[in-house]
Amino acid sequence: MPSISLERDPVGTFIMRCQCGSVEIGRGEVRWQAFEIEPRPKGLALVTCRQCHAQARLDEPRLA
């Protein structure tokens, strides 16, 4: 199981969660406060939890 996960509900709300308990919810173009997102090649992004510094590679289009 990845340390950070990103889900999108049927109405378009993003929910990003970290194994440490950090959770952030956003809609539309989200300005994430609890997570740092760095674009990477091949449509990926490196996501880092600002609380515990856990990292995961996630599909970048899902983050915008």
Protein backbone atom coordinates (compact mmCIF):
# COMPACT_ATOMS: atom_id res chain seq x y z
CA MET A 1 0.00 0.00 0.00
CA PRO A 2 1.43 3.41 -0.95
CA SER A 3 2.12 5.85 1.85
CA ILE A 4 0.03 8.53 0.09
CA SER A 5 -3.17 7.95 -1.85
CA LEU A 6 -5.38 10.14 -3.98
CA GLU A 7 -9.05 9.46 -4.64
CA ARG A 8 -11.71 11.35 -6.55
CA ASP A 9 -15.37 11.01 -5.65
CA PRO A 10 -18.24 11.08 -8.19
CA VAL A 11 -18.75 14.85 -7.85
CA GLY A 12 -15.08 15.65 -8.52
CA THR A 13 -13.80 16.16 -4.99
CA PHE A 14 -10.17 15.12 -4.49
CA ILE A 15 -9.18 13.40 -1.24
CA MET A 16 -5.45 12.96 -0.58
CA ARG A 17 -4.41 10.89 2.44
CA CYS A 18 -1.13 9.94 4.05
CA GLN A 19 -0.41 6.98 6.29
CA CYS A 20 0.46 9.43 9.11
CA GLY A 21 -3.12 10.69 9.21
CA SER A 22 -2.82 13.85 7.10
CA VAL A 23 -5.93 14.31 4.96
CA GLU A 24 -6.77 17.11 2.57
CA ILE A 25 -9.92 17.61 0.55
CA GLY A 26 -10.27 19.89 -2.46
CA ARG A 27 -12.27 20.60 -5.60
CA GLY A 28 -11.30 22.06 -8.96
CA GLU A 29 -7.77 23.42 -9.06
CA VAL A 30 -6.57 22.53 -5.61
CA ARG A 31 -3.78 24.42 -3.86
CA TRP A 32 -2.59 21.64 -1.58
CA GLN A 33 -1.48 22.80 1.86
CA ALA A 34 -0.60 19.47 3.53
CA PHE A 35 1.21 18.01 0.49
CA GLU A 36 3.98 19.20 -1.81
CA ILE A 37 3.64 18.16 -5.45
CA GLU A 38 6.58 18.08 -7.88
CA PRO A 39 5.91 17.21 -11.55
CA ARG A 40 8.02 14.35 -12.93
CA PRO A 41 8.50 12.93 -16.45
CA LYS A 42 5.93 10.58 -18.03
CA GLY A 43 2.90 12.27 -16.47
CA LEU A 44 3.82 11.48 -12.88
CA ALA A 45 4.25 13.66 -9.83
CA LEU A 46 6.27 13.14 -6.67
CA VAL A 47 4.00 13.89 -3.73
CA THR A 48 5.48 14.58 -0.29
CA CYS A 49 3.52 14.84 2.95
CA ARG A 50 4.56 18.04 4.73
CA GLN A 51 3.90 16.45 8.15
CA CYS A 52 5.87 13.17 8.02
CA HIS A 53 7.79 13.60 4.70
CA ALA A 54 6.46 10.32 3.26
CA GLN A 55 6.59 10.26 -0.55
CA ALA A 56 4.67 8.60 -3.37
CA ARG A 57 4.61 8.83 -7.15
CA LEU A 58 1.10 9.57 -8.38
CA ASP A 59 -0.48 10.18 -11.78
CA GLU A 60 -0.10 13.95 -12.31
CA PRO A 61 -3.29 14.61 -14.34
CA ARG A 62 -5.31 13.43 -11.35
CA LEU A 63 -3.75 16.19 -9.26
CA ALA A 64 -4.85 19.15 -11.39
